[in-house]
Protein backbone atom coordinates (compact mmCIF):
# COMPACT_ATOMS: atom_id res chain seq x y z
CA UNK A 1 7.16 -21.92 -17.87
CA UNK A 2 8.30 -22.21 -14.19
CA UNK A 3 6.60 -23.93 -11.61
CA UNK A 4 6.13 -22.33 -8.14
CA UNK A 5 5.50 -22.96 -4.61
CA UNK A 6 2.56 -20.40 -3.87
CA UNK A 7 -0.16 -20.03 -1.06
CA UNK A 8 -3.73 -19.65 -3.02
CA UNK A 9 -6.99 -18.82 -2.17
CA UNK A 10 -8.88 -21.70 -4.41
CA UNK A 11 -12.36 -19.62 -4.27
CA UNK A 12 -14.43 -16.55 -2.51
CA UNK A 13 -13.97 -16.74 1.19
CA UNK A 14 -11.78 -20.12 1.03
CA UNK A 15 -8.95 -20.32 3.52
CA UNK A 16 -5.61 -20.11 1.31
CA UNK A 17 -3.49 -23.19 0.99
CA UNK A 18 -0.56 -24.29 -0.47
CA UNK A 19 -0.54 -24.77 -4.34
CA UNK A 20 1.71 -24.69 -7.07
CA UNK A 21 1.56 -21.79 -10.21
CA UNK A 22 2.57 -21.15 -13.33
CA UNK A 23 5.46 -18.34 -14.28
CA UNK A 24 5.96 -17.37 -17.91
CA UNK A 25 9.68 -17.68 -19.54
CA UNK A 26 11.83 -14.57 -18.95
CA UNK A 27 11.31 -12.18 -22.38
CA UNK A 28 13.13 -9.69 -23.63
CA UNK A 29 12.66 -7.14 -20.93
CA UNK A 30 11.85 -9.40 -18.33
CA UNK A 31 13.08 -9.84 -14.73
CA UNK A 32 12.84 -13.29 -12.37
CA UNK A 33 12.41 -12.37 -9.08
CA UNK A 34 13.43 -14.80 -6.20
CA UNK A 35 10.97 -13.74 -3.46
CA UNK A 36 12.10 -13.06 -0.13
CA UNK A 37 9.35 -11.32 1.99
CA UNK A 38 5.88 -10.36 0.94
CA UNK A 39 3.87 -8.22 2.99
CA UNK A 40 -0.08 -8.93 3.77
CA UNK A 41 -2.08 -6.14 2.83
CA UNK A 42 -5.87 -5.49 3.97
CA UNK A 43 -6.34 -5.24 0.20
CA UNK A 44 -5.53 -9.05 -0.12
CA UNK A 45 -8.33 -9.91 2.11
CA UNK A 46 -10.73 -7.62 0.16
CA UNK A 47 -9.76 -9.33 -3.26
CA UNK A 48 -9.70 -12.59 -1.77
CA UNK A 49 -13.09 -12.72 -0.10
CA UNK A 50 -14.96 -10.52 -2.80
CA UNK A 51 -15.07 -7.47 -0.76
CA UNK A 52 -14.53 -5.20 -3.55
CA UNK A 53 -16.62 -7.25 -6.22
CA UNK A 54 -15.91 -10.55 -8.20
CA UNK A 55 -12.48 -11.40 -8.41
CA UNK A 56 -10.68 -14.51 -10.29
CA UNK A 57 -9.48 -17.74 -8.63
CA UNK A 58 -7.59 -19.43 -7.68
CA UNK A 59 -5.79 -16.19 -6.48
CA UNK A 60 -2.00 -15.81 -5.34
CA UNK A 61 -2.41 -12.68 -3.29
CA UNK A 62 0.09 -10.26 -2.69
CA UNK A 63 1.84 -6.73 -4.28
CA UNK A 64 4.27 -6.12 -1.31
CA UNK A 65 7.02 -7.60 -2.95
CA UNK A 66 10.28 -7.96 -1.96
CA UNK A 67 13.51 -10.18 -3.72
CA UNK A 68 16.46 -10.43 -5.56
CA UNK A 69 16.79 -10.58 -9.41
CA UNK A 70 18.04 -14.42 -10.40
CA UNK A 71 17.55 -14.01 -14.47
CA UNK A 72 17.42 -11.08 -16.38
CA UNK A 73 16.32 -10.74 -20.30
CA UNK A 74 18.68 -10.09 -22.94
CA UNK A 75 17.17 -6.54 -23.27
CA UNK A 76 17.30 -5.73 -19.81
CA UNK A 77 19.34 -2.40 -19.42
CA UNK A 78 18.12 -1.72 -15.57
CA UNK A 79 19.16 -4.69 -13.47
CA UNK A 80 21.18 -7.19 -12.96
CA UNK A 81 21.22 -10.92 -11.46
CA UNK A 82 21.67 -10.17 -7.49
CA UNK A 83 20.35 -6.63 -7.39
CA UNK A 84 17.31 -6.28 -4.69
CA UNK A 85 14.50 -4.90 -5.96
CA UNK A 86 10.45 -4.98 -5.15
CA UNK A 87 7.10 -5.07 -6.84
CA UNK A 88 4.15 -3.36 -6.08
CA UNK A 89 0.50 -3.41 -6.86
CA UNK A 90 0.87 -3.44 -10.73
CA UNK A 91 3.02 -5.12 -13.45
CA UNK A 92 2.01 -3.34 -16.25
CA UNK A 93 -0.19 -0.36 -17.99
CA UNK A 94 -0.84 0.74 -21.52
CA UNK A 95 2.07 2.58 -21.21
CA UNK A 96 0.99 5.22 -24.08
CA UNK A 97 -1.80 7.18 -21.88
CA UNK A 98 -1.15 10.81 -20.91
CA UNK A 99 -1.05 9.26 -17.51
CA UNK A 100 1.55 6.60 -18.18
CA UNK A 101 3.43 9.11 -20.31
CA UNK A 102 3.70 11.34 -17.35
CA UNK A 103 4.73 8.43 -14.67
CA UNK A 104 1.48 7.98 -13.39
CA UNK A 105 0.77 4.72 -14.80
CA UNK A 106 -1.23 4.05 -11.43
CA UNK A 107 -3.94 6.18 -13.21
CA UNK A 108 -3.30 4.59 -16.59
CA UNK A 109 -6.64 5.43 -19.07
CA UNK A 110 -5.46 2.94 -21.86
CA UNK A 111 -7.18 -0.13 -19.98
CA UNK A 112 -6.19 0.03 -16.77
CA UNK A 113 -3.02 -0.58 -14.94
CA UNK A 114 -2.33 -4.54 -14.94
CA UNK A 115 -2.50 -5.50 -11.26
CA UNK A 116 -0.09 -8.08 -9.48
CA UNK A 117 -2.55 -10.20 -8.88
CA UNK A 118 -6.16 -10.91 -9.69
CA UNK A 119 -6.15 -9.15 -12.94
CA UNK A 120 -5.44 -10.47 -16.45
CA UNK A 121 -1.95 -9.77 -18.19
CA UNK A 122 -1.63 -8.83 -21.86
CA UNK A 123 -0.70 -12.37 -22.40
CA UNK A 124 -4.32 -13.11 -21.74
CA UNK A 125 -3.44 -14.79 -18.53
CA UNK A 126 -4.15 -14.56 -14.95
CA UNK A 127 -1.77 -12.60 -12.72
CA UNK A 128 -0.75 -13.90 -9.42
CA UNK A 129 1.20 -12.32 -6.24
CA UNK A 130 4.07 -12.16 -4.20
CA UNK A 131 2.17 -15.77 -1.75
CA UNK A 132 4.69 -17.32 -4.01
CA UNK A 133 8.65 -18.22 -4.43
CA UNK A 134 9.22 -16.43 -7.72
CA UNK A 135 7.68 -13.79 -9.92
CA UNK A 136 8.89 -12.79 -13.30
CA UNK A 137 7.95 -8.98 -14.45
CA UNK A 138 9.02 -6.45 -17.08
CA UNK A 139 11.56 -4.31 -15.66
CA UNK A 140 10.09 -0.88 -16.39
CA UNK A 141 7.59 -1.82 -13.49
CA UNK A 142 10.39 -3.49 -11.02
CA UNK A 143 12.11 -0.71 -8.06
CA UNK A 144 15.45 -0.89 -6.97
CA UNK A 145 15.73 -1.46 -3.66
CA UNK A 146 18.58 0.46 -1.86
CA UNK A 147 20.94 -0.61 0.43
CA UNK A 148 19.72 0.88 3.39
CA UNK A 149 17.11 -1.20 3.97
CA UNK A 150 16.31 -4.07 5.04
CA UNK A 151 14.13 -6.41 2.48
CA UNK A 152 11.46 -7.68 5.08
CA UNK A 153 10.64 -3.68 6.74
CA UNK A 154 10.73 -2.97 2.92
CA UNK A 155 8.58 -4.97 1.19
CA UNK A 156 5.44 -3.08 2.82
CA UNK A 157 6.64 -0.33 1.53
CA UNK A 158 5.84 -1.60 -2.04
CA UNK A 159 1.65 -0.75 -1.02
CA UNK A 160 1.51 1.07 2.19
CA UNK A 161 4.58 3.36 2.07
CA UNK A 162 3.92 4.50 -1.41
CA UNK A 163 0.13 4.91 -0.79
CA UNK A 164 0.70 7.58 1.81
CA UNK A 165 3.55 8.93 0.23
CA UNK A 166 2.06 9.74 -2.78
CA UNK A 167 -0.99 11.90 -1.44
CA UNK A 168 1.55 13.45 1.52
CA UNK A 169 3.89 15.20 -1.19
CA UNK A 170 0.97 15.59 -3.65
CA UNK A 171 -1.01 17.59 -0.78
CA UNK A 172 2.98 19.65 -0.07
CA UNK A 173 2.85 17.87 3.69
CA UNK A 174 5.99 19.47 4.91
CA UNK A 175 7.21 21.80 7.54
CA UNK A 176 4.45 24.74 8.63
CA UNK A 177 1.43 22.07 7.33
CA UNK A 178 -0.61 20.08 10.11
CA UNK A 179 -1.29 17.01 8.76
CA UNK A 180 -3.66 14.40 10.31
CA UNK A 181 -3.47 10.72 10.02
CA UNK A 182 -6.99 8.82 10.62
CA UNK A 183 -5.92 5.40 11.79
CA UNK A 184 -2.70 3.48 13.07
CA UNK A 185 -2.76 0.06 11.46
CA UNK A 186 -0.40 -0.80 8.55
CA UNK A 187 -1.25 2.34 6.19
CA UNK A 188 -1.65 4.30 8.84
CA UNK A 189 1.74 4.25 10.75
CA UNK A 190 3.55 4.49 7.42
CA UNK A 191 1.52 7.88 7.29
CA UNK A 192 3.01 8.69 10.77
CA UNK A 193 6.55 8.03 9.73
CA UNK A 194 6.53 9.68 6.49
CA UNK A 195 4.57 12.67 7.42
CA UNK A 196 7.29 13.23 10.37
CA UNK A 197 10.27 12.90 8.22
CA UNK A 198 8.69 15.35 5.67
CA UNK A 199 8.55 17.80 8.12
CA UNK A 200 4.84 18.04 9.01
CA UNK A 201 3.68 18.83 12.49
CA UNK A 202 1.70 15.46 12.78
CA UNK A 203 -1.37 14.17 14.76
CA UNK A 204 -2.88 10.62 15.06
CA UNK A 205 -6.87 10.25 15.01
CA UNK A 206 -7.65 6.97 16.23
CA UNK A 207 -11.00 5.39 17.76
CA UNK A 208 -8.95 5.17 21.45
CA UNK A 209 -5.91 6.27 23.07
CA UNK A 210 -4.42 2.21 23.05
CA UNK A 211 -1.83 2.77 20.56
CA UNK A 212 -0.94 6.80 21.69
CA UNK A 213 2.47 5.29 22.82
CA UNK A 214 2.81 3.62 19.57
CA UNK A 215 1.78 6.85 18.08
CA UNK A 216 4.56 9.19 19.47
CA UNK A 217 7.35 7.13 19.34
CA UNK A 218 6.84 6.23 15.62
CA UNK A 219 6.89 10.26 15.32
CA UNK A 220 3.31 11.97 15.67
CA UNK A 221 3.29 15.12 17.68
CA UNK A 222 -0.25 14.67 18.78
CA UNK A 223 -2.80 11.95 19.48
CA UNK A 224 -6.52 12.23 19.94
CA UNK A 225 -9.54 9.50 20.46
CA UNK A 226 -12.03 9.88 17.82
CA UNK A 227 -14.42 8.18 20.09
CA UNK A 228 -14.62 11.00 22.60
CA UNK A 229 -16.78 13.34 20.96
CA UNK A 230 -15.08 16.50 22.40
CA UNK A 231 -12.22 15.73 20.65
CA UNK A 232 -13.98 17.35 17.55
CA UNK A 233 -14.82 20.45 19.12
CA UNK A 234 -11.56 20.33 20.06
CA UNK A 235 -10.08 20.05 16.64
CA UNK A 236 -12.44 21.87 14.47
CA UNK A 237 -10.71 24.26 11.92
CA UNK A 238 -6.86 22.79 13.27
CA UNK A 239 -5.53 20.67 9.71
CA UNK A 240 -4.18 21.50 6.68
CA UNK A 241 -4.62 17.86 5.34
CA UNK A 242 -6.43 14.47 6.81
CA UNK A 243 -5.25 11.22 5.52
CA UNK A 244 -7.89 8.64 6.16
CA UNK A 245 -6.45 4.91 5.74
CA UNK A 246 -8.97 3.22 7.63
CA UNK A 247 -11.45 1.24 5.02
CA UNK A 248 -14.59 1.71 7.46
CA UNK A 249 -16.97 4.33 6.54
CA UNK A 250 -16.25 7.36 8.54
CA UNK A 251 -18.24 10.64 9.58
CA UNK A 252 -17.51 12.51 6.83
CA UNK A 253 -19.03 15.72 7.67
CA UNK A 254 -17.18 15.48 11.08
CA UNK A 255 -13.78 14.72 9.65
CA UNK A 256 -13.98 17.65 7.10
CA UNK A 257 -14.78 19.95 10.30
CA UNK A 258 -11.57 19.51 11.09
CA UNK A 259 -9.79 20.83 8.11
CA UNK A 260 -8.59 25.01 7.87
CA UNK A 261 -10.04 26.80 4.93
CA UNK A 262 -8.87 25.03 1.58
CA UNK A 263 -7.82 22.00 3.39
CA UNK A 264 -8.10 18.39 2.24
CA UNK A 265 -9.20 15.08 3.19
CA UNK A 266 -7.94 12.46 1.43
CA UNK A 267 -9.46 8.70 1.30
CA UNK A 268 -6.58 5.84 0.98
CA UNK A 269 -8.43 3.52 2.74
CA UNK A 270 -11.18 1.88 0.82
CA UNK A 271 -14.28 1.23 2.39
CA UNK A 272 -16.81 -1.84 0.63
CA UNK A 273 -19.74 -0.11 1.39
CA UNK A 274 -20.86 3.44 0.03
CA UNK A 275 -21.03 6.78 1.78
CA UNK A 276 -23.40 9.85 1.96
CA UNK A 277 -22.22 13.16 2.48
CA UNK A 278 -23.65 16.95 2.99
CA UNK A 279 -22.28 18.75 0.16
CA UNK A 280 -22.26 21.52 2.78
CA UNK A 281 -19.31 20.15 4.72
CA UNK A 282 -16.90 21.27 1.87
CA UNK A 283 -19.01 23.97 0.50
CA UNK A 284 -18.23 25.90 3.78
CA UNK A 285 -14.66 26.49 3.66
CA UNK A 286 -13.74 25.35 -0.03
CA UNK A 287 -12.72 22.30 1.34
CA UNK A 288 -11.47 18.82 -0.66
CA UNK A 289 -12.91 15.81 -0.42
CA UNK A 290 -9.97 13.60 -2.40
CA UNK A 291 -9.00 10.27 -3.04
CA UNK A 292 -5.73 8.80 -3.77
CA UNK A 293 -4.15 5.14 -4.91
CA UNK A 294 -0.91 4.35 -4.81
CA UNK A 295 1.89 5.97 -7.05
CA UNK A 296 3.52 5.56 -10.11
CA UNK A 297 6.88 3.91 -11.08
CA UNK A 298 9.25 7.09 -10.77
CA UNK A 299 7.59 8.36 -7.27
CA UNK A 300 7.50 4.46 -5.82
CA UNK A 301 11.36 5.00 -6.56
CA UNK A 302 11.91 8.21 -5.31
CA UNK A 303 9.66 7.09 -1.98
CA UNK A 304 12.20 4.21 -1.16
CA UNK A 305 15.49 6.25 -1.92
CA UNK A 306 13.23 8.84 0.83
CA UNK A 307 13.06 6.28 3.38
CA UNK A 308 16.24 4.95 2.96
CA UNK A 309 17.51 8.31 3.59
CA UNK A 310 15.43 8.55 6.40
CA UNK A 311 15.87 5.23 7.85
CA UNK A 312 12.27 4.40 7.43
CA UNK A 313 11.15 0.97 7.32
CA UNK A 314 7.90 -0.79 7.84
CA UNK A 315 7.23 -2.02 11.62
CA UNK A 316 6.95 -5.63 11.18
CA UNK A 317 5.49 -9.29 12.40
CA UNK A 318 7.97 -11.71 10.38
CA UNK A 319 5.48 -15.04 9.53
CA UNK A 320 5.55 -18.63 8.39
CA UNK A 321 2.86 -18.84 5.07
CA UNK A 322 1.51 -21.56 6.64
CA UNK A 323 0.07 -18.85 9.17
CA UNK A 324 -1.10 -16.49 6.54
CA UNK A 325 -4.79 -17.58 7.08
CA UNK A 326 -4.22 -16.50 11.01
CA UNK A 327 -2.74 -13.28 9.69
CA UNK A 328 -5.71 -12.63 7.93
CA UNK A 329 -7.94 -12.91 10.85
CA UNK A 330 -5.74 -10.69 12.88
CA UNK A 331 -5.60 -8.40 10.40
CA UNK A 332 -9.56 -7.80 10.63
CA UNK A 333 -9.32 -7.49 14.45
CA UNK A 334 -6.60 -4.89 14.09
CA UNK A 335 -4.15 -7.75 15.87
CA UNK A 336 -0.94 -6.05 14.09
CA UNK A 337 1.48 -3.96 14.73
CA UNK A 338 2.31 -2.93 12.08
CA UNK A 339 2.04 -5.40 9.27
CA UNK A 340 2.53 -8.85 8.68
CA UNK A 341 5.44 -9.90 6.19
CA UNK A 342 5.51 -13.88 4.96
CA UNK A 343 8.60 -15.26 4.96
CA UNK A 344 8.56 -16.87 1.68
CA UNK A 345 11.46 -19.55 2.35
CA UNK A 346 8.59 -21.27 4.24
CA UNK A 347 6.28 -21.70 1.39
């Protein structure tokens, strides 16, 4: 076992504090990664504060991990010491179900994917995430970060990037398609960049016009305030695809009214509260209300290669590890443009 420094939440809703954790020895197919940067995702806050249900403590959050390989197991074939790599939201799955065999490990039906943190690994031990100095991961759940991406701007791609890339690809965002991104935050700003690079006509739907200039610079063609009731009348029947990134409940009937016939409203934000829906909102127009998680390992690698090709990285604010608790409060206040990234050298 290797002892490494980390930042952990000792209990639900407790401030994160510096501590040490044990990493398992490097096994046959494992890689040891020196973590250089770790993004702060809103889901870190949901889990550290038990917003999504009972959690495992102490908890070391972080599933947007970018670093460098420092050791490999004897059976590793895909990576070598010195490689620039990333780890996202999962570190294992059953590997045998239809979804795993199809490269959809995020939808594993053989027990579910093993989360990078707040989960129990196959060794029976709790998993701990990227707010730490090092991590040991099976090579099959590690991706390569292309040279064209800086590690700090690449870290948020391991969750925010793939969370938007996957539904945009699945619902065929591209030339001739009108795509709306709801919310311009850590997820939303990646959606704008990726949808624009895919060739879609991109609209941001945000509560106000406060971030309008940012949205247009990031690649949006249009920007509307949902706080203005006239917006929904003006844009009725406009979009082929709407991707909602917000973690607060929406008036889904109002947003479904913005879709064309056969359009889809896809949720990647995960509110803590249940929603209600009048089914006539989807019956009229043969519309789809859907959800999407992250992507599988192959698709995550595809996303990273796509982002490197198109010069897409996250818009980040680099912070020291002792600023994590302040960063959490700023995320909740929507006071970040657009992703906090921890410099793990400061842990």
